[in-house]
Structures are given as structure tokens and as C-alpha cells.
Amino acid sequence: KLKRKITGGLIPQTYLESIGLWINYKLRISYIVKNSLAQKLGLKKGDKLLKINKNFIKSYSQIKKVLSKIRDKQIYLLLSRNDFQFFVHFRR
């Protein structure tokens, strides 16, 4: 787990943090760790999280619930950047 904490309503200790991705309460990426998997996937600050695997994400609290129920080794994220939607995927 990452030791560094960033202020601004970030979800503490989630799987997304372990890949270098910090999400705020508005479901937007607020921080990406340099040289992390998230950065290598091309994610950028301000991208909005819309979906995790087949689950639409409508609230901040839903992220942790959805991630805790995923048993697949593949994780797919649907994000939006400047009104363009795109998927990224990675293995647990």
C-alpha cells in the first residue's frame, strides 16, 4: 500500500491506490503516482471513472464495494476524458 496521503477526499487503502491511482469524491482521478501502472495505462488527472468491469459507478462509496466483490483477475475500467469514453484493463 502507498504510504503517502493526498488531501481532497481520497479513498483510503483501496486496490486502485496500489496501482497508483487516486480517485476523489467526484469520481475523478485526482492523483497518479509517477511510473505507476496507472500512468503506464495512460490515465490522467481529471479522467472520470464511469464503470468497473460491468458495474456502473455512481457514487464514491460504491468503488470499494464493487472492487471487494470482483473475483476476476482482469479488471476493466471505463473512463471519460473530454467527453470521450475509453476502457483500460489490467490484471490483479
PDB file of N, CA and C in Angstrom:
ATOM      1  N   LYS A   1       0.835  -1.188   0.000  1.00  0.00           N
ATOM      2  CA  LYS A   1       0.000   0.000   0.000  1.00  0.00           C
ATOM      3  C   LYS A   1       0.875   1.244   0.000  1.00  0.00           C
ATOM      4  N   LEU A   2       0.326   2.295  -0.573  1.00  0.00           N
ATOM      5  CA  LEU A   2       1.053   3.550  -0.592  1.00  0.00           C
ATOM      6  C   LEU A   2       1.000   4.203   0.775  1.00  0.00           C
ATOM      7  N   LYS A   3       2.088   4.796   1.170  1.00  0.00           N
ATOM      8  CA  LYS A   3       2.159   5.472   2.462  1.00  0.00           C
ATOM      9  C   LYS A   3       1.728   6.924   2.349  1.00  0.00           C
ATOM     10  N   ARG A   4       1.939   7.520   1.194  1.00  0.00           N
ATOM     11  CA  ARG A   4       1.660   8.931   1.011  1.00  0.00           C
ATOM     12  C   ARG A   4       0.154   9.181   0.938  1.00  0.00           C
ATOM     13  N   LYS A   5      -0.313  10.143   1.673  1.00  0.00           N
ATOM     14  CA  LYS A   5      -1.727  10.500   1.646  1.00  0.00           C
ATOM     15  C   LYS A   5      -1.883  11.850   0.985  1.00  0.00           C
ATOM     16  N   ILE A   6      -2.824  11.947   0.112  1.00  0.00           N
ATOM     17  CA  ILE A   6      -3.106  13.182  -0.587  1.00  0.00           C
ATOM     18  C   ILE A   6      -4.447  13.697  -0.072  1.00  0.00           C
ATOM     19  N   THR A   7      -4.535  14.969   0.241  1.00  0.00           N
ATOM     20  CA  THR A   7      -5.790  15.505   0.756  1.00  0.00           C
ATOM     21  C   THR A   7      -6.785  15.724  -0.367  1.00  0.00           C
ATOM     22  N   GLY A   8      -8.038  15.882  -0.011  1.00  0.00           N
ATOM     23  CA  GLY A   8      -9.065  16.182  -1.008  1.00  0.00           C
ATOM     24  C   GLY A   8     -10.076  15.077  -1.163  1.00  0.00           C
ATOM     25  N   GLY A   9     -10.316  14.290  -0.129  1.00  0.00           N
ATOM     26  CA  GLY A   9     -11.372  13.285  -0.183  1.00  0.00           C
ATOM     27  C   GLY A   9     -11.029  12.043  -0.958  1.00  0.00           C
ATOM     28  N   LEU A  10      -9.869  11.517  -0.757  1.00  0.00           N
ATOM     29  CA  LEU A  10      -9.474  10.302  -1.469  1.00  0.00           C
ATOM     30  C   LEU A  10      -9.855   9.063  -0.686  1.00  0.00           C
ATOM     31  N   ILE A  11     -10.128   8.018  -1.426  1.00  0.00           N
ATOM     32  CA  ILE A  11     -10.479   6.752  -0.803  1.00  0.00           C
ATOM     33  C   ILE A  11      -9.230   6.153  -0.187  1.00  0.00           C
ATOM     34  N   PRO A  12      -9.203   5.885   1.114  1.00  0.00           N
ATOM     35  CA  PRO A  12      -8.009   5.317   1.726  1.00  0.00           C
ATOM     36  C   PRO A  12      -7.897   3.811   1.495  1.00  0.00           C
ATOM     37  N   GLN A  13      -6.687   3.378   1.208  1.00  0.00           N
ATOM     38  CA  GLN A  13      -6.360   1.955   1.172  1.00  0.00           C
ATOM     39  C   GLN A  13      -7.248   1.128   0.248  1.00  0.00           C
ATOM     40  N   THR A  14      -7.361   1.494  -1.008  1.00  0.00           N
ATOM     41  CA  THR A  14      -8.107   0.688  -1.970  1.00  0.00           C
ATOM     42  C   THR A  14      -7.143   0.022  -2.936  1.00  0.00           C
ATOM     43  N   TYR A  15      -7.672  -0.911  -3.694  1.00  0.00           N
ATOM     44  CA  TYR A  15      -6.862  -1.575  -4.706  1.00  0.00           C
ATOM     45  C   TYR A  15      -6.366  -0.576  -5.747  1.00  0.00           C
ATOM     46  N   LEU A  16      -7.174   0.425  -6.068  1.00  0.00           N
ATOM     47  CA  LEU A  16      -6.757   1.412  -7.066  1.00  0.00           C
ATOM     48  C   LEU A  16      -5.518   2.176  -6.625  1.00  0.00           C
ATOM     49  N   GLU A  17      -5.388   2.430  -5.331  1.00  0.00           N
ATOM     50  CA  GLU A  17      -4.175   3.079  -4.828  1.00  0.00           C
ATOM     51  C   GLU A  17      -2.951   2.220  -5.081  1.00  0.00           C
ATOM     52  N   SER A  18      -3.114   0.918  -4.995  1.00  0.00           N
ATOM     53  CA  SER A  18      -1.971   0.025  -5.177  1.00  0.00           C
ATOM     54  C   SER A  18      -1.433   0.046  -6.606  1.00  0.00           C
ATOM     55  N   ILE A  19      -2.250   0.508  -7.562  1.00  0.00           N
ATOM     56  CA  ILE A  19      -1.752   0.651  -8.933  1.00  0.00           C
ATOM     57  C   ILE A  19      -1.388   2.108  -9.228  1.00  0.00           C
ATOM     58  N   GLY A  20      -1.434   2.955  -8.201  1.00  0.00           N
ATOM     59  CA  GLY A  20      -1.010   4.346  -8.342  1.00  0.00           C
ATOM     60  C   GLY A  20      -2.102   5.309  -8.747  1.00  0.00           C
ATOM     61  N   LEU A  21      -3.351   4.959  -8.481  1.00  0.00           N
ATOM     62  CA  LEU A  21      -4.500   5.737  -8.921  1.00  0.00           C
ATOM     63  C   LEU A  21      -5.312   6.205  -7.724  1.00  0.00           C
ATOM     64  N   TRP A  22      -5.516   7.520  -7.610  1.00  0.00           N
ATOM     65  CA  TRP A  22      -6.293   8.098  -6.511  1.00  0.00           C
ATOM     66  C   TRP A  22      -7.532   8.765  -7.090  1.00  0.00           C
ATOM     67  N   ILE A  23      -8.688   8.411  -6.548  1.00  0.00           N
ATOM     68  CA  ILE A  23      -9.978   8.911  -7.028  1.00  0.00           C
ATOM     69  C   ILE A  23     -10.586   9.805  -5.953  1.00  0.00           C
ATOM     70  N   ASN A  24     -11.184  10.932  -6.368  1.00  0.00           N
ATOM     71  CA  ASN A  24     -11.840  11.803  -5.390  1.00  0.00           C
ATOM     72  C   ASN A  24     -13.345  11.536  -5.337  1.00  0.00           C
ATOM     73  N   TYR A  25     -14.050  12.289  -4.510  1.00  0.00           N
ATOM     74  CA  TYR A  25     -15.488  12.077  -4.321  1.00  0.00           C
ATOM     75  C   TYR A  25     -16.319  12.349  -5.571  1.00  0.00           C
ATOM     76  N   LYS A  26     -15.764  13.080  -6.514  1.00  0.00           N
ATOM     77  CA  LYS A  26     -16.477  13.358  -7.763  1.00  0.00           C
ATOM     78  C   LYS A  26     -16.174  12.299  -8.822  1.00  0.00           C
ATOM     79  N   LEU A  27     -15.504  11.220  -8.394  1.00  0.00           N
ATOM     80  CA  LEU A  27     -15.140  10.081  -9.246  1.00  0.00           C
ATOM     81  C   LEU A  27     -14.106  10.461 -10.305  1.00  0.00           C
ATOM     82  N   ARG A  28     -13.353  11.493 -10.044  1.00  0.00           N
ATOM     83  CA  ARG A  28     -12.294  11.918 -10.965  1.00  0.00           C
ATOM     84  C   ARG A  28     -10.935  11.543 -10.396  1.00  0.00           C
ATOM     85  N   ILE A  29     -10.007  11.232 -11.293  1.00  0.00           N
ATOM     86  CA  ILE A  29      -8.641  10.952 -10.863  1.00  0.00           C
ATOM     87  C   ILE A  29      -8.048  12.254 -10.360  1.00  0.00           C
ATOM     88  N   SER A  30      -7.596  12.224  -9.123  1.00  0.00           N
ATOM     89  CA  SER A  30      -7.023  13.429  -8.540  1.00  0.00           C
ATOM     90  C   SER A  30      -5.505  13.340  -8.421  1.00  0.00           C
ATOM     91  N   TYR A  31      -4.958  12.130  -8.527  1.00  0.00           N
ATOM     92  CA  TYR A  31      -3.508  11.970  -8.415  1.00  0.00           C
ATOM     93  C   TYR A  31      -3.100  10.641  -9.033  1.00  0.00           C
ATOM     94  N   ILE A  32      -1.982  10.648  -9.746  1.00  0.00           N
ATOM     95  CA  ILE A  32      -1.403   9.428 -10.301  1.00  0.00           C
ATOM     96  C   ILE A  32       0.062   9.379  -9.886  1.00  0.00           C
ATOM     97  N   VAL A  33       0.466   8.270  -9.318  1.00  0.00           N
ATOM     98  CA  VAL A  33       1.847   8.081  -8.876  1.00  0.00           C
ATOM     99  C   VAL A  33       2.749   7.933 -10.104  1.00  0.00           C
ATOM    100  N   LYS A  34       3.851   8.662 -10.088  1.00  0.00           N
ATOM    101  CA  LYS A  34       4.805   8.616 -11.190  1.00  0.00           C
ATOM    102  C   LYS A  34       5.346   7.197 -11.372  1.00  0.00           C
ATOM    103  N   ASN A  35       5.433   6.758 -12.624  1.00  0.00           N
ATOM    104  CA  ASN A  35       5.933   5.434 -13.019  1.00  0.00           C
ATOM    105  C   ASN A  35       5.065   4.281 -12.512  1.00  0.00           C
ATOM    106  N   SER A  36       3.826   4.544 -12.156  1.00  0.00           N
ATOM    107  CA  SER A  36       2.915   3.505 -11.673  1.00  0.00           C
ATOM    108  C   SER A  36       2.214   2.831 -12.857  1.00  0.00           C
ATOM    109  N   LEU A  37       1.505   1.750 -12.570  1.00  0.00           N
ATOM    110  CA  LEU A  37       0.710   1.081 -13.592  1.00  0.00           C
ATOM    111  C   LEU A  37      -0.334   2.041 -14.160  1.00  0.00           C
ATOM    112  N   ALA A  38      -0.954   2.836 -13.302  1.00  0.00           N
ATOM    113  CA  ALA A  38      -1.964   3.799 -13.764  1.00  0.00           C
ATOM    114  C   ALA A  38      -1.376   4.761 -14.795  1.00  0.00           C
ATOM    115  N   GLN A  39      -0.171   5.249 -14.551  1.00  0.00           N
ATOM    116  CA  GLN A  39       0.476   6.153 -15.501  1.00  0.00           C
ATOM    117  C   GLN A  39       0.816   5.411 -16.792  1.00  0.00           C
ATOM    118  N   LYS A  40       1.293   4.177 -16.676  1.00  0.00           N
ATOM    119  CA  LYS A  40       1.635   3.393 -17.863  1.00  0.00           C
ATOM    120  C   LYS A  40       0.405   3.070 -18.710  1.00  0.00           C
ATOM    121  N   LEU A  41      -0.776   3.003 -18.070  1.00  0.00           N
ATOM    122  CA  LEU A  41      -2.022   2.769 -18.802  1.00  0.00           C
ATOM    123  C   LEU A  41      -2.512   4.023 -19.520  1.00  0.00           C
ATOM    124  N   GLY A  42      -1.860   5.149 -19.264  1.00  0.00           N
ATOM    125  CA  GLY A  42      -2.220   6.388 -19.935  1.00  0.00           C
ATOM    126  C   GLY A  42      -3.279   7.207 -19.224  1.00  0.00           C
ATOM    127  N   LEU A  43      -3.581   6.851 -17.979  1.00  0.00           N
ATOM    128  CA  LEU A  43      -4.585   7.605 -17.236  1.00  0.00           C
ATOM    129  C   LEU A  43      -4.030   8.959 -16.837  1.00  0.00           C
ATOM    130  N   LYS A  44      -4.927   9.940 -16.750  1.00  0.00           N
ATOM    131  CA  LYS A  44      -4.509  11.303 -16.437  1.00  0.00           C
ATOM    132  C   LYS A  44      -5.388  11.911 -15.364  1.00  0.00           C
ATOM    133  N   LYS A  45      -4.814  12.860 -14.656  1.00  0.00           N
ATOM    134  CA  LYS A  45      -5.558  13.603 -13.651  1.00  0.00           C
ATOM    135  C   LYS A  45      -6.768  14.252 -14.323  1.00  0.00           C
ATOM    136  N   GLY A  46      -7.937  14.099 -13.712  1.00  0.00           N
ATOM    137  CA  GLY A  46      -9.160  14.667 -14.272  1.00  0.00           C
ATOM    138  C   GLY A  46     -10.024  13.657 -14.996  1.00  0.00           C
ATOM    139  N   ASP A  47      -9.456  12.499 -15.394  1.00  0.00           N
ATOM    140  CA  ASP A  47     -10.279  11.456 -16.010  1.00  0.00           C
ATOM    141  C   ASP A  47     -11.361  11.042 -15.023  1.00  0.00           C
ATOM    142  N   LYS A  48     -12.565  10.755 -15.526  1.00  0.00           N
ATOM    143  CA  LYS A  48     -13.677  10.383 -14.651  1.00  0.00           C
ATOM    144  C   LYS A  48     -13.949   8.891 -14.764  1.00  0.00           C
ATOM    145  N   LEU A  49     -14.053   8.233 -13.615  1.00  0.00           N
ATOM    146  CA  LEU A  49     -14.365   6.803 -13.554  1.00  0.00           C
ATOM    147  C   LEU A  49     -15.863   6.611 -13.750  1.00  0.00           C
ATOM    148  N   LEU A  50     -16.241   5.800 -14.736  1.00  0.00           N
ATOM    149  CA  LEU A  50     -17.644   5.547 -15.024  1.00  0.00           C
ATOM    150  C   LEU A  50     -18.071   4.128 -14.660  1.00  0.00           C
ATOM    151  N   LYS A  51     -17.152   3.173 -14.846  1.00  0.00           N
ATOM    152  CA  LYS A  51     -17.533   1.772 -14.702  1.00  0.00           C
ATOM    153  C   LYS A  51     -16.327   0.948 -14.278  1.00  0.00           C
ATOM    154  N   ILE A  52     -16.551  -0.044 -13.421  1.00  0.00           N
ATOM    155  CA  ILE A  52     -15.548  -1.043 -13.067  1.00  0.00           C
ATOM    156  C   ILE A  52     -16.130  -2.384 -13.467  1.00  0.00           C
ATOM    157  N   ASN A  53     -15.457  -3.062 -14.383  1.00  0.00           N
ATOM    158  CA  ASN A  53     -15.972  -4.268 -15.015  1.00  0.00           C
ATOM    159  C   ASN A  53     -17.386  -3.980 -15.516  1.00  0.00           C
ATOM    160  N   LYS A  54     -18.391  -4.678 -15.090  1.00  0.00           N
ATOM    161  CA  LYS A  54     -19.749  -4.453 -15.612  1.00  0.00           C
ATOM    162  C   LYS A  54     -20.583  -3.565 -14.701  1.00  0.00           C
ATOM    163  N   ASN A  55     -19.955  -2.936 -13.732  1.00  0.00           N
ATOM    164  CA  ASN A  55     -20.678  -2.148 -12.734  1.00  0.00           C
ATOM    165  C   ASN A  55     -20.499  -0.653 -12.959  1.00  0.00           C
ATOM    166  N   PHE A  56     -21.613   0.032 -13.256  1.00  0.00           N
ATOM    167  CA  PHE A  56     -21.557   1.487 -13.354  1.00  0.00           C
ATOM    168  C   PHE A  56     -21.318   2.061 -11.970  1.00  0.00           C
ATOM    169  N   ILE A  57     -20.439   3.021 -11.874  1.00  0.00           N
ATOM    170  CA  ILE A  57     -20.090   3.652 -10.605  1.00  0.00           C
ATOM    171  C   ILE A  57     -20.804   4.997 -10.544  1.00  0.00           C
ATOM    172  N   LYS A  58     -21.685   5.118  -9.565  1.00  0.00           N
ATOM    173  CA  LYS A  58     -22.464   6.349  -9.441  1.00  0.00           C
ATOM    174  C   LYS A  58     -22.124   7.125  -8.186  1.00  0.00           C
ATOM    175  N   SER A  59     -21.394   6.510  -7.273  1.00  0.00           N
ATOM    176  CA  SER A  59     -21.022   7.214  -6.043  1.00  0.00           C
ATOM    177  C   SER A  59     -19.628   6.779  -5.596  1.00  0.00           C
ATOM    178  N   TYR A  60     -19.031   7.635  -4.837  1.00  0.00           N
ATOM    179  CA  TYR A  60     -17.703   7.409  -4.278  1.00  0.00           C
ATOM    180  C   TYR A  60     -17.648   6.135  -3.435  1.00  0.00           C
ATOM    181  N   SER A  61     -18.654   5.934  -2.596  1.00  0.00           N
ATOM    182  CA  SER A  61     -18.659   4.780  -1.700  1.00  0.00           C
ATOM    183  C   SER A  61     -18.827   3.454  -2.446  1.00  0.00           C
ATOM    184  N   GLN A  62     -19.353   3.508  -3.648  1.00  0.00           N
ATOM    185  CA  GLN A  62     -19.590   2.296  -4.426  1.00  0.00           C
ATOM    186  C   GLN A  62     -18.287   1.676  -4.943  1.00  0.00           C
ATOM    187  N   ILE A  63     -17.242   2.463  -5.091  1.00  0.00           N
ATOM    188  CA  ILE A  63     -15.981   1.960  -5.647  1.00  0.00           C
ATOM    189  C   ILE A  63     -15.426   0.809  -4.816  1.00  0.00           C
ATOM    190  N   LYS A  64     -15.295   1.020  -3.532  1.00  0.00           N
ATOM    191  CA  LYS A  64     -14.728  -0.006  -2.654  1.00  0.00           C
ATOM    192  C   LYS A  64     -15.610  -1.260  -2.616  1.00  0.00           C
ATOM    193  N   LYS A  65     -16.934  -1.068  -2.600  1.00  0.00           N
ATOM    194  CA  LYS A  65     -17.867  -2.206  -2.592  1.00  0.00           C
ATOM    195  C   LYS A  65     -17.705  -3.048  -3.847  1.00  0.00           C
ATOM    196  N   VAL A  66     -17.649  -2.391  -4.996  1.00  0.00           N
ATOM    197  CA  VAL A  66     -17.516  -3.108  -6.264  1.00  0.00           C
ATOM    198  C   VAL A  66     -16.180  -3.835  -6.330  1.00  0.00           C
ATOM    199  N   LEU A  67     -15.102  -3.154  -5.964  1.00  0.00           N
ATOM    200  CA  LEU A  67     -13.776  -3.789  -6.016  1.00  0.00           C
ATOM    201  C   LEU A  67     -13.680  -4.985  -5.082  1.00  0.00           C
ATOM    202  N   SER A  68     -14.340  -4.936  -3.944  1.00  0.00           N
ATOM    203  CA  SER A  68     -14.272  -6.049  -2.996  1.00  0.00           C
ATOM    204  C   SER A  68     -15.010  -7.286  -3.498  1.00  0.00           C
ATOM    205  N   LYS A  69     -15.943  -7.104  -4.424  1.00  0.00           N
ATOM    206  CA  LYS A  69     -16.728  -8.231  -4.941  1.00  0.00           C
ATOM    207  C   LYS A  69     -16.150  -8.836  -6.214  1.00  0.00           C
ATOM    208  N   ILE A  70     -15.187  -8.176  -6.829  1.00  0.00           N
ATOM    209  CA  ILE A  70     -14.618  -8.669  -8.087  1.00  0.00           C
ATOM    210  C   ILE A  70     -13.693  -9.845  -7.810  1.00  0.00           C
ATOM    211  N   ARG A  71     -13.978 -10.933  -8.452  1.00  0.00           N
ATOM    212  CA  ARG A  71     -13.150 -12.138  -8.293  1.00  0.00           C
ATOM    213  C   ARG A  71     -12.307 -12.417  -9.534  1.00  0.00           C
ATOM    214  N   ASP A  72     -12.600 -11.724 -10.630  1.00  0.00           N
ATOM    215  CA  ASP A  72     -11.830 -11.905 -11.862  1.00  0.00           C
ATOM    216  C   ASP A  72     -10.417 -11.378 -11.688  1.00  0.00           C
ATOM    217  N   LYS A  73      -9.506 -11.965 -12.442  1.00  0.00           N
ATOM    218  CA  LYS A  73      -8.137 -11.454 -12.412  1.00  0.00           C
ATOM    219  C   LYS A  73      -7.994 -10.237 -13.315  1.00  0.00           C
ATOM    220  N   GLN A  74      -8.894 -10.101 -14.278  1.00  0.00           N
ATOM    221  CA  GLN A  74      -8.877  -8.950 -15.177  1.00  0.00           C
ATOM    222  C   GLN A  74      -9.805  -7.875 -14.626  1.00  0.00           C
ATOM    223  N   ILE A  75      -9.329  -6.650 -14.614  1.00  0.00           N
ATOM    224  CA  ILE A  75     -10.163  -5.530 -14.198  1.00  0.00           C
ATOM    225  C   ILE A  75     -10.236  -4.555 -15.369  1.00  0.00           C
ATOM    226  N   TYR A  76     -11.466  -4.183 -15.712  1.00  0.00           N
ATOM    227  CA  TYR A  76     -11.715  -3.229 -16.780  1.00  0.00           C
ATOM    228  C   TYR A  76     -12.288  -1.963 -16.175  1.00  0.00           C
ATOM    229  N   LEU A  77     -11.718  -0.828 -16.537  1.00  0.00           N
ATOM    230  CA  LEU A  77     -12.229   0.459 -16.097  1.00  0.00           C
ATOM    231  C   LEU A  77     -12.710   1.225 -17.323  1.00  0.00           C
ATOM    232  N   LEU A  78     -13.915   1.763 -17.234  1.00  0.00           N
ATOM    233  CA  LEU A  78     -14.413   2.669 -18.259  1.00  0.00           C
ATOM    234  C   LEU A  78     -14.262   4.074 -17.705  1.00  0.00           C
ATOM    235  N   LEU A  79     -13.566   4.913 -18.450  1.00  0.00           N
ATOM    236  CA  LEU A  79     -13.312   6.286 -18.014  1.00  0.00           C
ATOM    237  C   LEU A  79     -13.751   7.259 -19.095  1.00  0.00           C
ATOM    238  N   SER A  80     -13.858   8.506 -18.696  1.00  0.00           N
ATOM    239  CA  SER A  80     -14.221   9.567 -19.622  1.00  0.00           C
ATOM    240  C   SER A  80     -13.191  10.686 -19.515  1.00  0.00           C
ATOM    241  N   ARG A  81     -12.775  11.190 -20.685  1.00  0.00           N
ATOM    242  CA  ARG A  81     -11.850  12.325 -20.740  1.00  0.00           C
ATOM    243  C   ARG A  81     -12.325  13.241 -21.875  1.00  0.00           C
ATOM    244  N   ASN A  82     -12.659  14.468 -21.538  1.00  0.00           N
ATOM    245  CA  ASN A  82     -13.115  15.438 -22.549  1.00  0.00           C
ATOM    246  C   ASN A  82     -14.248  14.870 -23.411  1.00  0.00           C
ATOM    247  N   ASP A  83     -15.250  14.273 -22.771  1.00  0.00           N
ATOM    248  CA  ASP A  83     -16.420  13.690 -23.448  1.00  0.00           C
ATOM    249  C   ASP A  83     -16.090  12.492 -24.332  1.00  0.00           C
ATOM    250  N   PHE A  84     -14.906  11.911 -24.177  1.00  0.00           N
ATOM    251  CA  PHE A  84     -14.521  10.702 -24.902  1.00  0.00           C
ATOM    252  C   PHE A  84     -14.402   9.572 -23.883  1.00  0.00           C
ATOM    253  N   GLN A  85     -15.127   8.475 -24.116  1.00  0.00           N
ATOM    254  CA  GLN A  85     -15.078   7.336 -23.198  1.00  0.00           C
ATOM    255  C   GLN A  85     -14.096   6.294 -23.721  1.00  0.00           C
ATOM    256  N   PHE A  86     -13.356   5.685 -22.773  1.00  0.00           N
ATOM    257  CA  PHE A  86     -12.375   4.671 -23.160  1.00  0.00           C
ATOM    258  C   PHE A  86     -12.196   3.654 -22.032  1.00  0.00           C
ATOM    259  N   PHE A  87     -11.791   2.456 -22.416  1.00  0.00           N
ATOM    260  CA  PHE A  87     -11.526   1.379 -21.476  1.00  0.00           C
ATOM    261  C   PHE A  87     -10.023   1.221 -21.280  1.00  0.00           C
ATOM    262  N   VAL A  88      -9.639   0.834 -20.083  1.00  0.00           N
ATOM    263  CA  VAL A  88      -8.309   0.309 -19.820  1.00  0.00           C
ATOM    264  C   VAL A  88      -8.519  -0.979 -19.039  1.00  0.00           C
ATOM    265  N   HIS A  89      -7.604  -1.910 -19.200  1.00  0.00           N
ATOM    266  CA  HIS A  89      -7.711  -3.147 -18.409  1.00  0.00           C
ATOM    267  C   HIS A  89      -6.333  -3.563 -17.939  1.00  0.00           C
ATOM    268  N   PHE A  90      -6.347  -4.309 -16.848  1.00  0.00           N
ATOM    269  CA  PHE A  90      -5.110  -4.793 -16.247  1.00  0.00           C
ATOM    270  C   PHE A  90      -5.427  -6.027 -15.413  1.00  0.00           C
ATOM    271  N   ARG A  91      -4.387  -6.734 -15.054  1.00  0.00           N
ATOM    272  CA  ARG A  91      -4.535  -7.945 -14.235  1.00  0.00           C
ATOM    273  C   ARG A  91      -4.259  -7.626 -12.788  1.00  0.00           C
ATOM    274  N   ARG A  92      -4.979  -8.273 -11.924  1.00  0.00           N
ATOM    275  CA  ARG A  92      -4.741  -8.136 -10.476  1.00  0.00           C
ATOM    276  C   ARG A  92      -3.429  -8.754 -10.106  1.00  0.00           C
TER     277      ARG A  92
END
